[in-house]
Amino acid sequence: MKIQVCVLHQDRVLSGGEELLDLPGTKWIDVLGPTEEGMQRLAERYELHRLAVEDCLHLDQRPKLEEYPTHQFIVLQGFTAGQNICDLTLHEHHFFLGPDWLISVHEFPFAAHDEVRRRLESDPRGTIGRGADFVLYLMADVLMDRQFPILDAFSDELEDMEVAIFKKPDKAQLQRIFELKRMLVTFRRVLSPQRDVVGLMARRGIPHVHDRTTLYFRDVYDHLVRLYEQIDAGRDLLGNAMDGYLSMVANRTNDITKQLTIFATIFLPLSFIVGFFGQNFDVLSHRGFYYAMWVMIIVFPIGLVFWFRNKKWI
């Protein structure tokens, strides 16, 4: 368990470990890789509720906002993606919001935390000087903003796939469509309930959330609405890509069937001629009938080919 503390002390932000917990001032306590022993120490110091502490030690919590006597407990989630956007890593963040302190708990490192920390150090009065609730807004904002590049990469890949499907459909494209669909379902399952959570914090009357900060949470709520709209648009585009793939495969099958039918039609009269003028016919011994049979075998198929071309069947 790693604890990093940022505290506003004498109009500047001090960063360090647990030794800064005794300093007066507004604090942001970031906990990476929580353990039962470490969370128990924080619970005793800040009177954290036992149920909320248990939730911090068990991942896969649903996004929620719970009110306890001394603090608010908030769960928010987000994703990061690797080279393959379908390889998502879920970042679940638990927040304890008190009168002048914020405790953030997460299992995996999150690069956006460094961005928030640098902002606190560069502008103490405009960030942590506004209160711990404003630091919570900054954390929620960067968490939601990190989802837009993933969905943008999803849209770009889907557009490229649509172009490739109309050029040459392939089974790998169908498999990729299903992978993108599962990824989008995961996104919707995680981000959808967070609209309600952020919507509550955007209302006035939530303890430890000042009225001036609710305006900023409205901006986070707008971001979530945009994300949800992008997810719905992505679902429609995936459906169109699937329909396009099936249509192209069906058209390709029809073309193959048409070509095979044309070949069968060309060779059908030849099969008839060969079967009719078999070896049992003595008339084939005459040179005239022999040449006439070969003329029919050669000229008749060529005539069929020109007729098919005239009808624009081939």
C-alpha atoms as a PDB file:
ATOM      1  CA  MET A   1       0.000   0.000   0.000  1.00  0.00           C
ATOM      2  CA  LYS A   2       1.375   3.373  -1.047  1.00  0.00           C
ATOM      3  CA  ILE A   3       0.058   6.634   0.399  1.00  0.00           C
ATOM      4  CA  GLN A   4       0.806  10.014  -1.135  1.00  0.00           C
ATOM      5  CA  VAL A   5      -0.436  13.172   0.541  1.00  0.00           C
ATOM      6  CA  CYS A   6      -0.921  16.660  -0.861  1.00  0.00           C
ATOM      7  CA  VAL A   7      -1.723  19.294   1.764  1.00  0.00           C
ATOM      8  CA  LEU A   8      -2.321  23.020   1.459  1.00  0.00           C
ATOM      9  CA  HIS A   9      -0.009  24.574   4.028  1.00  0.00           C
ATOM     10  CA  GLN A  10       0.743  28.297   4.176  1.00  0.00           C
ATOM     11  CA  ASP A  11      -0.562  28.957   0.651  1.00  0.00           C
ATOM     12  CA  ARG A  12       1.536  26.244  -0.953  1.00  0.00           C
ATOM     13  CA  VAL A  13       1.070  22.549  -1.625  1.00  0.00           C
ATOM     14  CA  LEU A  14       3.324  20.069   0.114  1.00  0.00           C
ATOM     15  CA  SER A  15       3.627  16.557  -1.292  1.00  0.00           C
ATOM     16  CA  GLY A  16       4.879  13.551   0.616  1.00  0.00           C
ATOM     17  CA  GLY A  17       3.910  10.484   2.602  1.00  0.00           C
ATOM     18  CA  GLU A  18       1.974   9.806   5.784  1.00  0.00           C
ATOM     19  CA  GLU A  19       4.153  12.218   7.765  1.00  0.00           C
ATOM     20  CA  LEU A  20       2.099  15.076   6.267  1.00  0.00           C
ATOM     21  CA  LEU A  21      -1.185  13.805   7.710  1.00  0.00           C
ATOM     22  CA  ASP A  22      -0.616  15.717  10.961  1.00  0.00           C
ATOM     23  CA  LEU A  23      -0.261  19.073   9.228  1.00  0.00           C
ATOM     24  CA  PRO A  24      -3.296  21.367   9.293  1.00  0.00           C
ATOM     25  CA  GLY A  25      -4.943  22.348   6.028  1.00  0.00           C
ATOM     26  CA  THR A  26      -6.953  20.845   3.190  1.00  0.00           C
ATOM     27  CA  LYS A  27      -5.599  17.424   2.247  1.00  0.00           C
ATOM     28  CA  TRP A  28      -5.762  15.029  -0.634  1.00  0.00           C
ATOM     29  CA  ILE A  29      -4.688  11.526   0.382  1.00  0.00           C
ATOM     30  CA  ASP A  30      -4.114   9.150  -2.512  1.00  0.00           C
ATOM     31  CA  VAL A  31      -3.964   5.430  -1.690  1.00  0.00           C
ATOM     32  CA  LEU A  32      -2.556   2.990  -4.249  1.00  0.00           C
ATOM     33  CA  GLY A  33      -3.026  -0.755  -3.700  1.00  0.00           C
ATOM     34  CA  PRO A  34      -5.086  -0.601  -0.480  1.00  0.00           C
ATOM     35  CA  THR A  35      -4.518  -3.144   2.291  1.00  0.00           C
ATOM     36  CA  GLU A  36      -6.747  -3.936   5.233  1.00  0.00           C
ATOM     37  CA  GLU A  37      -4.177  -2.730   7.745  1.00  0.00           C
ATOM     38  CA  GLY A  38      -3.493   0.549   5.946  1.00  0.00           C
ATOM     39  CA  MET A  39      -7.168   1.344   5.416  1.00  0.00           C
ATOM     40  CA  GLN A  40      -7.833   0.608   9.074  1.00  0.00           C
ATOM     41  CA  ARG A  41      -5.299   3.274  10.077  1.00  0.00           C
ATOM     42  CA  LEU A  42      -7.025   5.839   7.881  1.00  0.00           C
ATOM     43  CA  ALA A  43     -10.441   4.738   9.127  1.00  0.00           C
ATOM     44  CA  GLU A  44      -9.408   5.373  12.733  1.00  0.00           C
ATOM     45  CA  ARG A  45      -7.953   8.778  11.933  1.00  0.00           C
ATOM     46  CA  TYR A  46     -10.849  10.070   9.796  1.00  0.00           C
ATOM     47  CA  GLU A  47     -13.723   7.990  11.230  1.00  0.00           C
ATOM     48  CA  LEU A  48     -14.419   6.172   7.974  1.00  0.00           C
ATOM     49  CA  HIS A  49     -17.401   3.875   8.035  1.00  0.00           C
ATOM     50  CA  ARG A  50     -16.664   0.169   8.177  1.00  0.00           C
ATOM     51  CA  LEU A  51     -18.927  -0.690   5.220  1.00  0.00           C
ATOM     52  CA  ALA A  52     -17.239   1.878   2.990  1.00  0.00           C
ATOM     53  CA  VAL A  53     -13.799   0.582   3.969  1.00  0.00           C
ATOM     54  CA  GLU A  54     -14.870  -2.965   3.086  1.00  0.00           C
ATOM     55  CA  ASP A  55     -15.966  -1.754  -0.355  1.00  0.00           C
ATOM     56  CA  CYS A  56     -12.495  -0.286  -0.924  1.00  0.00           C
ATOM     57  CA  LEU A  57     -10.919  -3.683  -0.338  1.00  0.00           C
ATOM     58  CA  HIS A  58     -13.201  -5.425  -2.871  1.00  0.00           C
ATOM     59  CA  LEU A  59     -13.157  -4.287  -6.484  1.00  0.00           C
ATOM     60  CA  ASP A  60     -16.033  -4.435  -8.982  1.00  0.00           C
ATOM     61  CA  GLN A  61     -18.270  -2.084  -7.006  1.00  0.00           C
ATOM     62  CA  ARG A  62     -21.091  -0.350  -8.793  1.00  0.00           C
ATOM     63  CA  PRO A  63     -20.726   3.436  -9.274  1.00  0.00           C
ATOM     64  CA  LYS A  64     -22.577   5.004  -6.370  1.00  0.00           C
ATOM     65  CA  LEU A  65     -22.834   7.870  -3.887  1.00  0.00           C
ATOM     66  CA  GLU A  66     -23.429   6.995  -0.238  1.00  0.00           C
ATOM     67  CA  GLU A  67     -23.763   9.387   2.686  1.00  0.00           C
ATOM     68  CA  TYR A  68     -22.244   8.570   6.078  1.00  0.00           C
ATOM     69  CA  PRO A  69     -22.202  10.682   9.257  1.00  0.00           C
ATOM     70  CA  THR A  70     -18.710  12.145   8.752  1.00  0.00           C
ATOM     71  CA  HIS A  71     -18.143  11.805   5.006  1.00  0.00           C
ATOM     72  CA  GLN A  72     -19.463  10.974   1.565  1.00  0.00           C
ATOM     73  CA  PHE A  73     -18.414   7.751  -0.159  1.00  0.00           C
ATOM     74  CA  ILE A  74     -18.249   7.889  -3.975  1.00  0.00           C
ATOM     75  CA  VAL A  75     -17.336   5.168  -6.459  1.00  0.00           C
ATOM     76  CA  LEU A  76     -16.385   6.169 -10.011  1.00  0.00           C
ATOM     77  CA  GLN A  77     -14.915   4.040 -12.772  1.00  0.00           C
ATOM     78  CA  GLY A  78     -13.070   4.525 -16.040  1.00  0.00           C
ATOM     79  CA  PHE A  79     -10.938   2.689 -18.582  1.00  0.00           C
ATOM     80  CA  THR A  80      -7.543   2.795 -20.176  1.00  0.00           C
ATOM     81  CA  ALA A  81      -6.714   0.916 -23.386  1.00  0.00           C
ATOM     82  CA  GLY A  82      -3.547  -0.480 -24.907  1.00  0.00           C
ATOM     83  CA  GLN A  83      -2.616  -0.797 -28.567  1.00  0.00           C
ATOM     84  CA  ASN A  84      -5.767  -2.846 -29.051  1.00  0.00           C
ATOM     85  CA  ILE A  85      -8.672  -0.715 -27.861  1.00  0.00           C
ATOM     86  CA  CYS A  86     -10.586  -3.851 -26.927  1.00  0.00           C
ATOM     87  CA  ASP A  87      -7.960  -4.636 -24.267  1.00  0.00           C
ATOM     88  CA  LEU A  88      -9.513  -2.432 -21.614  1.00  0.00           C
ATOM     89  CA  THR A  89      -8.235  -2.002 -18.077  1.00  0.00           C
ATOM     90  CA  LEU A  90     -10.898  -0.998 -15.575  1.00  0.00           C
ATOM     91  CA  HIS A  91      -9.828   1.705 -13.096  1.00  0.00           C
ATOM     92  CA  GLU A  92     -12.145   1.746 -10.125  1.00  0.00           C
ATOM     93  CA  HIS A  93     -11.750   4.773  -7.859  1.00  0.00           C
ATOM     94  CA  HIS A  94     -13.197   5.054  -4.369  1.00  0.00           C
ATOM     95  CA  PHE A  95     -13.425   8.495  -2.780  1.00  0.00           C
ATOM     96  CA  PHE A  96     -14.013   9.529   0.830  1.00  0.00           C
ATOM     97  CA  LEU A  97     -15.014  13.189   0.912  1.00  0.00           C
ATOM     98  CA  GLY A  98     -14.861  14.962   4.280  1.00  0.00           C
ATOM     99  CA  PRO A  99     -15.070  18.596   5.370  1.00  0.00           C
ATOM    100  CA  ASP A 100     -11.460  19.434   4.473  1.00  0.00           C
ATOM    101  CA  TRP A 101      -9.988  16.176   3.210  1.00  0.00           C
ATOM    102  CA  LEU A 102     -10.344  13.783   0.297  1.00  0.00           C
ATOM    103  CA  ILE A 103      -9.139  10.193   0.267  1.00  0.00           C
ATOM    104  CA  SER A 104      -8.888   8.511  -3.130  1.00  0.00           C
ATOM    105  CA  VAL A 105      -8.355   4.744  -3.232  1.00  0.00           C
ATOM    106  CA  HIS A 106      -7.488   2.756  -6.345  1.00  0.00           C
ATOM    107  CA  GLU A 107      -5.837  -0.553  -7.181  1.00  0.00           C
ATOM    108  CA  PHE A 108      -3.854   0.377 -10.315  1.00  0.00           C
ATOM    109  CA  PRO A 109      -1.682   3.408 -11.129  1.00  0.00           C
ATOM    110  CA  PHE A 110      -3.496   6.107 -13.069  1.00  0.00           C
ATOM    111  CA  ALA A 111      -1.415   8.603 -15.038  1.00  0.00           C
ATOM    112  CA  ALA A 112      -4.041  11.343 -14.739  1.00  0.00           C
ATOM    113  CA  HIS A 113      -3.353  11.604 -10.995  1.00  0.00           C
ATOM    114  CA  ASP A 114       0.050  13.106 -11.753  1.00  0.00           C
ATOM    115  CA  GLU A 115      -1.672  15.686 -13.944  1.00  0.00           C
ATOM    116  CA  VAL A 116      -3.997  16.653 -11.080  1.00  0.00           C
ATOM    117  CA  ARG A 117      -1.076  16.793  -8.648  1.00  0.00           C
ATOM    118  CA  ARG A 118       0.889  19.118 -10.923  1.00  0.00           C
ATOM    119  CA  ARG A 119      -2.141  21.358 -11.249  1.00  0.00           C
ATOM    120  CA  LEU A 120      -2.502  21.539  -7.474  1.00  0.00           C
ATOM    121  CA  GLU A 121       1.151  22.483  -7.062  1.00  0.00           C
ATOM    122  CA  SER A 122       1.068  25.119  -9.821  1.00  0.00           C
ATOM    123  CA  ASP A 123      -2.180  26.766  -8.690  1.00  0.00           C
ATOM    124  CA  PRO A 124      -2.910  26.030  -5.009  1.00  0.00           C
ATOM    125  CA  ARG A 125      -5.506  28.751  -4.494  1.00  0.00           C
ATOM    126  CA  GLY A 126      -7.421  27.906  -7.672  1.00  0.00           C
ATOM    127  CA  THR A 127      -7.563  24.180  -6.927  1.00  0.00           C
ATOM    128  CA  ILE A 128      -7.112  22.704  -3.471  1.00  0.00           C
ATOM    129  CA  GLY A 129      -7.641  26.166  -1.996  1.00  0.00           C
ATOM    130  CA  ARG A 130     -11.280  25.926  -3.073  1.00  0.00           C
ATOM    131  CA  GLY A 131     -11.796  22.856  -0.923  1.00  0.00           C
ATOM    132  CA  ALA A 132     -11.494  19.084  -1.025  1.00  0.00           C
ATOM    133  CA  ASP A 133     -14.660  18.847  -3.103  1.00  0.00           C
ATOM    134  CA  PHE A 134     -12.937  20.745  -5.918  1.00  0.00           C
ATOM    135  CA  VAL A 135     -10.119  18.182  -5.912  1.00  0.00           C
ATOM    136  CA  LEU A 136     -12.814  15.515  -6.257  1.00  0.00           C
ATOM    137  CA  TYR A 137     -14.146  17.400  -9.272  1.00  0.00           C
ATOM    138  CA  LEU A 138     -10.666  17.469 -10.826  1.00  0.00           C
ATOM    139  CA  MET A 139     -10.313  13.704 -10.318  1.00  0.00           C
ATOM    140  CA  ALA A 140     -13.737  12.976 -11.802  1.00  0.00           C
ATOM    141  CA  ASP A 141     -13.055  15.313 -14.721  1.00  0.00           C
ATOM    142  CA  VAL A 142      -9.764  13.711 -15.767  1.00  0.00           C
ATOM    143  CA  LEU A 143     -11.271  10.251 -15.296  1.00  0.00           C
ATOM    144  CA  MET A 144     -14.087  11.036 -17.725  1.00  0.00           C
ATOM    145  CA  ASP A 145     -11.851  12.906 -20.166  1.00  0.00           C
ATOM    146  CA  ARG A 146      -9.655   9.816 -20.532  1.00  0.00           C
ATOM    147  CA  GLN A 147     -12.617   7.959 -22.077  1.00  0.00           C
ATOM    148  CA  PHE A 148     -12.971  10.223 -25.121  1.00  0.00           C
ATOM    149  CA  PRO A 149      -9.721   9.138 -26.861  1.00  0.00           C
ATOM    150  CA  ILE A 150     -10.776   5.492 -26.516  1.00  0.00           C
ATOM    151  CA  LEU A 151     -14.138   6.099 -28.160  1.00  0.00           C
ATOM    152  CA  ASP A 152     -12.498   8.271 -30.833  1.00  0.00           C
ATOM    153  CA  ALA A 153     -10.094   5.424 -31.648  1.00  0.00           C
ATOM    154  CA  PHE A 154     -13.105   3.096 -31.744  1.00  0.00           C
ATOM    155  CA  SER A 155     -14.862   5.355 -34.279  1.00  0.00           C
ATOM    156  CA  ASP A 156     -11.742   5.626 -36.458  1.00  0.00           C
ATOM    157  CA  GLU A 157     -11.248   1.855 -36.526  1.00  0.00           C
ATOM    158  CA  LEU A 158     -14.904   1.289 -37.326  1.00  0.00           C
ATOM    159  CA  GLU A 159     -14.770   3.722 -40.259  1.00  0.00           C
ATOM    160  CA  ASP A 160     -11.684   1.976 -41.657  1.00  0.00           C
ATOM    161  CA  MET A 161     -13.389  -1.373 -41.225  1.00  0.00           C
ATOM    162  CA  GLU A 162     -16.464  -0.228 -43.143  1.00  0.00           C
ATOM    163  CA  VAL A 163     -14.264   0.790 -46.071  1.00  0.00           C
ATOM    164  CA  ALA A 164     -12.418  -2.543 -45.959  1.00  0.00           C
ATOM    165  CA  ILE A 165     -15.694  -4.491 -45.807  1.00  0.00           C
ATOM    166  CA  PHE A 166     -16.969  -2.922 -49.030  1.00  0.00           C
ATOM    167  CA  LYS A 167     -13.644  -3.609 -50.711  1.00  0.00           C
ATOM    168  CA  LYS A 168     -13.217  -7.207 -49.627  1.00  0.00           C
ATOM    169  CA  PRO A 169     -15.190  -8.850 -46.797  1.00  0.00           C
ATOM    170  CA  ASP A 170     -13.229 -11.220 -44.595  1.00  0.00           C
ATOM    171  CA  LYS A 171     -14.099 -13.494 -41.661  1.00  0.00           C
ATOM    172  CA  ALA A 172     -11.591 -11.659 -39.454  1.00  0.00           C
ATOM    173  CA  GLN A 173     -13.678  -8.507 -39.857  1.00  0.00           C
ATOM    174  CA  LEU A 174     -16.747 -10.276 -38.488  1.00  0.00           C
ATOM    175  CA  GLN A 175     -14.776 -11.438 -35.467  1.00  0.00           C
ATOM    176  CA  ARG A 176     -13.484  -7.910 -34.900  1.00  0.00           C
ATOM    177  CA  ILE A 177     -17.016  -6.517 -35.074  1.00  0.00           C
ATOM    178  CA  PHE A 178     -18.070  -8.804 -32.234  1.00  0.00           C
ATOM    179  CA  GLU A 179     -14.997  -7.783 -30.210  1.00  0.00           C
ATOM    180  CA  LEU A 180     -15.865  -4.113 -30.654  1.00  0.00           C
ATOM    181  CA  LYS A 181     -19.448  -4.846 -29.716  1.00  0.00           C
ATOM    182  CA  ARG A 182     -18.403  -6.504 -26.445  1.00  0.00           C
ATOM    183  CA  MET A 183     -16.097  -3.563 -25.731  1.00  0.00           C
ATOM    184  CA  LEU A 184     -18.943  -1.101 -26.281  1.00  0.00           C
ATOM    185  CA  VAL A 185     -21.288  -3.084 -24.026  1.00  0.00           C
ATOM    186  CA  THR A 186     -18.645  -2.970 -21.274  1.00  0.00           C
ATOM    187  CA  PHE A 187     -18.300   0.782 -21.716  1.00  0.00           C
ATOM    188  CA  ARG A 188     -22.041   1.289 -21.466  1.00  0.00           C
ATOM    189  CA  ARG A 189     -22.391  -0.953 -18.414  1.00  0.00           C
ATOM    190  CA  VAL A 190     -19.760   1.059 -16.520  1.00  0.00           C
ATOM    191  CA  LEU A 191     -20.462   4.616 -17.640  1.00  0.00           C
ATOM    192  CA  SER A 192     -24.257   4.524 -17.673  1.00  0.00           C
ATOM    193  CA  PRO A 193     -24.847   4.446 -13.875  1.00  0.00           C
ATOM    194  CA  GLN A 194     -22.217   7.143 -13.329  1.00  0.00           C
ATOM    195  CA  ARG A 195     -24.536   9.733 -14.836  1.00  0.00           C
ATOM    196  CA  ASP A 196     -26.805   9.348 -11.817  1.00  0.00           C
ATOM    197  CA  VAL A 197     -23.880   9.620  -9.396  1.00  0.00           C
ATOM    198  CA  VAL A 198     -22.432  12.773 -10.961  1.00  0.00           C
ATOM    199  CA  GLY A 199     -25.940  14.148 -11.408  1.00  0.00           C
ATOM    200  CA  LEU A 200     -26.457  13.940  -7.642  1.00  0.00           C
ATOM    201  CA  MET A 201     -23.205  15.789  -6.967  1.00  0.00           C
ATOM    202  CA  ALA A 202     -24.271  18.459  -9.456  1.00  0.00           C
ATOM    203  CA  ARG A 203     -27.274  19.268  -7.258  1.00  0.00           C
ATOM    204  CA  ARG A 204     -27.195  21.534  -4.271  1.00  0.00           C
ATOM    205  CA  GLY A 205     -27.566  20.190  -0.767  1.00  0.00           C
ATOM    206  CA  ILE A 206     -25.020  17.342  -0.850  1.00  0.00           C
ATOM    207  CA  PRO A 207     -22.947  17.494   2.358  1.00  0.00           C
ATOM    208  CA  HIS A 208     -19.304  18.545   1.910  1.00  0.00           C
ATOM    209  CA  VAL A 209     -19.997  19.648  -1.697  1.00  0.00           C
ATOM    210  CA  HIS A 210     -20.178  23.429  -1.884  1.00  0.00           C
ATOM    211  CA  ASP A 211     -22.691  25.136  -4.118  1.00  0.00           C
ATOM    212  CA  ARG A 212     -19.931  26.748  -6.184  1.00  0.00           C
ATOM    213  CA  THR A 213     -18.483  23.291  -6.928  1.00  0.00           C
ATOM    214  CA  THR A 214     -21.779  21.845  -8.148  1.00  0.00           C
ATOM    215  CA  LEU A 215     -21.405  24.001 -11.251  1.00  0.00           C
ATOM    216  CA  TYR A 216     -18.206  22.134 -12.116  1.00  0.00           C
ATOM    217  CA  PHE A 217     -19.825  18.752 -11.569  1.00  0.00           C
ATOM    218  CA  ARG A 218     -22.434  19.788 -14.134  1.00  0.00           C
ATOM    219  CA  ASP A 219     -19.598  19.971 -16.639  1.00  0.00           C
ATOM    220  CA  VAL A 220     -18.587  16.402 -15.759  1.00  0.00           C
ATOM    221  CA  TYR A 221     -22.213  15.374 -16.171  1.00  0.00           C
ATOM    222  CA  ASP A 222     -22.238  16.929 -19.660  1.00  0.00           C
ATOM    223  CA  HIS A 223     -19.140  14.896 -20.494  1.00  0.00           C
ATOM    224  CA  LEU A 224     -20.900  11.723 -19.417  1.00  0.00           C
ATOM    225  CA  VAL A 225     -23.918  12.591 -21.578  1.00  0.00           C
ATOM    226  CA  ARG A 226     -21.601  13.079 -24.563  1.00  0.00           C
ATOM    227  CA  LEU A 227     -19.902   9.757 -23.856  1.00  0.00           C
ATOM    228  CA  TYR A 228     -23.259   8.025 -23.660  1.00  0.00           C
ATOM    229  CA  GLU A 229     -24.312   9.588 -26.966  1.00  0.00           C
ATOM    230  CA  GLN A 230     -21.076   8.382 -28.572  1.00  0.00           C
ATOM    231  CA  ILE A 231     -21.730   4.892 -27.258  1.00  0.00           C
ATOM    232  CA  ASP A 232     -25.232   4.883 -28.765  1.00  0.00           C
ATOM    233  CA  ALA A 233     -23.863   6.171 -32.069  1.00  0.00           C
ATOM    234  CA  GLY A 234     -21.189   3.469 -31.981  1.00  0.00           C
ATOM    235  CA  ARG A 235     -23.861   0.797 -31.516  1.00  0.00           C
ATOM    236  CA  ASP A 236     -25.679   2.046 -34.610  1.00  0.00           C
ATOM    237  CA  LEU A 237     -22.446   2.097 -36.633  1.00  0.00           C
ATOM    238  CA  LEU A 238     -21.625  -1.439 -35.505  1.00  0.00           C
ATOM    239  CA  GLY A 239     -25.056  -2.564 -36.650  1.00  0.00           C
ATOM    240  CA  ASN A 240     -24.495  -0.902 -40.022  1.00  0.00           C
ATOM    241  CA  ALA A 241     -21.082  -2.557 -40.345  1.00  0.00           C
ATOM    242  CA  MET A 242     -22.614  -5.946 -39.567  1.00  0.00           C
ATOM    243  CA  ASP A 243     -25.387  -5.420 -42.136  1.00  0.00           C
ATOM    244  CA  GLY A 244     -22.831  -4.268 -44.698  1.00  0.00           C
ATOM    245  CA  TYR A 245     -20.677  -7.346 -44.103  1.00  0.00           C
ATOM    246  CA  LEU A 246     -23.637  -9.715 -44.455  1.00  0.00           C
ATOM    247  CA  SER A 247     -24.816  -7.900 -47.600  1.00  0.00           C
ATOM    248  CA  MET A 248     -21.390  -8.101 -49.210  1.00  0.00           C
ATOM    249  CA  VAL A 249     -21.093 -11.816 -48.373  1.00  0.00           C
ATOM    250  CA  ALA A 250     -24.571 -12.435 -49.775  1.00  0.00           C
ATOM    251  CA  ASN A 251     -23.747 -10.504 -52.966  1.00  0.00           C
ATOM    252  CA  ARG A 252     -20.505 -12.417 -53.341  1.00  0.00           C
ATOM    253  CA  THR A 253     -22.363 -15.705 -52.920  1.00  0.00           C
ATOM    254  CA  ASN A 254     -24.920 -14.631 -55.519  1.00  0.00           C
ATOM    255  CA  ASP A 255     -22.148 -13.747 -57.968  1.00  0.00           C
ATOM    256  CA  ILE A 256     -20.519 -17.148 -57.502  1.00  0.00           C
ATOM    257  CA  THR A 257     -23.872 -18.895 -57.928  1.00  0.00           C
ATOM    258  CA  LYS A 258     -24.557 -16.895 -61.091  1.00  0.00           C
ATOM    259  CA  GLN A 259     -21.167 -17.780 -62.569  1.00  0.00           C
ATOM    260  CA  LEU A 260     -21.610 -21.460 -61.783  1.00  0.00           C
ATOM    261  CA  THR A 261     -25.097 -21.381 -63.307  1.00  0.00           C
ATOM    262  CA  ILE A 262     -23.719 -19.804 -66.488  1.00  0.00           C
ATOM    263  CA  PHE A 263     -21.019 -22.469 -66.788  1.00  0.00           C
ATOM    264  CA  ALA A 264     -23.597 -25.193 -66.231  1.00  0.00           C
ATOM    265  CA  THR A 265     -25.866 -23.652 -68.873  1.00  0.00           C
ATOM    266  CA  ILE A 266     -23.014 -23.521 -71.395  1.00  0.00           C
ATOM    267  CA  PHE A 267     -22.039 -27.139 -70.865  1.00  0.00           C
ATOM    268  CA  LEU A 268     -25.596 -28.473 -70.681  1.00  0.00           C
ATOM    269  CA  PRO A 269     -26.164 -28.588 -74.467  1.00  0.00           C
ATOM    270  CA  LEU A 270     -22.684 -30.061 -74.894  1.00  0.00           C
ATOM    271  CA  SER A 271     -23.575 -32.832 -72.498  1.00  0.00           C
ATOM    272  CA  PHE A 272     -26.781 -33.395 -74.420  1.00  0.00           C
ATOM    273  CA  ILE A 273     -24.975 -33.566 -77.761  1.00  0.00           C
ATOM    274  CA  VAL A 274     -22.322 -35.917 -76.467  1.00  0.00           C
ATOM    275  CA  GLY A 275     -24.942 -38.117 -74.834  1.00  0.00           C
ATOM    276  CA  PHE A 276     -27.213 -38.142 -77.852  1.00  0.00           C
ATOM    277  CA  PHE A 277     -24.529 -38.768 -80.450  1.00  0.00           C
ATOM    278  CA  GLY A 278     -22.877 -41.581 -78.582  1.00  0.00           C
ATOM    279  CA  GLN A 279     -20.827 -44.432 -79.991  1.00  0.00           C
ATOM    280  CA  ASN A 280     -23.988 -46.373 -80.789  1.00  0.00           C
ATOM    281  CA  PHE A 281     -24.792 -44.079 -83.691  1.00  0.00           C
ATOM    282  CA  ASP A 282     -23.424 -45.370 -86.991  1.00  0.00           C
ATOM    283  CA  VAL A 283     -24.265 -42.048 -88.607  1.00  0.00           C
ATOM    284  CA  LEU A 284     -21.208 -40.510 -86.998  1.00  0.00           C
ATOM    285  CA  SER A 285     -19.068 -42.557 -89.310  1.00  0.00           C
ATOM    286  CA  HIS A 286     -20.092 -40.204 -92.115  1.00  0.00           C
ATOM    287  CA  ARG A 287     -17.713 -37.270 -92.412  1.00  0.00           C
ATOM    288  CA  GLY A 288     -20.499 -34.646 -92.807  1.00  0.00           C
ATOM    289  CA  PHE A 289     -22.242 -35.550 -89.589  1.00  0.00           C
ATOM    290  CA  TYR A 290     -18.888 -35.712 -87.830  1.00  0.00           C
ATOM    291  CA  TYR A 291     -18.026 -32.132 -88.811  1.00  0.00           C
ATOM    292  CA  ALA A 292     -21.553 -30.928 -88.014  1.00  0.00           C
ATOM    293  CA  MET A 293     -21.272 -32.327 -84.476  1.00  0.00           C
ATOM    294  CA  TRP A 294     -18.000 -30.487 -83.864  1.00  0.00           C
ATOM    295  CA  VAL A 295     -19.446 -27.272 -85.262  1.00  0.00           C
ATOM    296  CA  MET A 296     -22.330 -27.553 -82.787  1.00  0.00           C
ATOM    297  CA  ILE A 297     -19.942 -28.284 -79.935  1.00  0.00           C
ATOM    298  CA  ILE A 298     -17.843 -25.167 -80.667  1.00  0.00           C
ATOM    299  CA  VAL A 299     -20.286 -22.670 -82.168  1.00  0.00           C
ATOM    300  CA  PHE A 300     -23.209 -23.266 -79.819  1.00  0.00           C
ATOM    301  CA  PRO A 301     -21.327 -22.436 -76.571  1.00  0.00           C
ATOM    302  CA  ILE A 302     -19.749 -19.373 -78.185  1.00  0.00           C
ATOM    303  CA  GLY A 303     -23.204 -18.226 -79.245  1.00  0.00           C
ATOM    304  CA  LEU A 304     -24.454 -18.687 -75.693  1.00  0.00           C
ATOM    305  CA  VAL A 305     -21.584 -16.593 -74.343  1.00  0.00           C
ATOM    306  CA  PHE A 306     -22.426 -13.716 -76.707  1.00  0.00           C
ATOM    307  CA  TRP A 307     -26.100 -14.009 -75.847  1.00  0.00           C
ATOM    308  CA  PHE A 308     -25.338 -13.828 -72.093  1.00  0.00           C
ATOM    309  CA  ARG A 309     -23.171 -10.767 -72.691  1.00  0.00           C
ATOM    310  CA  ASN A 310     -25.967  -9.146 -74.674  1.00  0.00           C
ATOM    311  CA  LYS A 311     -28.335  -9.761 -71.749  1.00  0.00           C
ATOM    312  CA  LYS A 312     -25.635  -8.393 -69.375  1.00  0.00           C
ATOM    313  CA  TRP A 313     -25.691 -11.572 -67.323  1.00  0.00           C
ATOM    314  CA  ILE A 314     -21.905 -11.779 -67.493  1.00  0.00           C
END
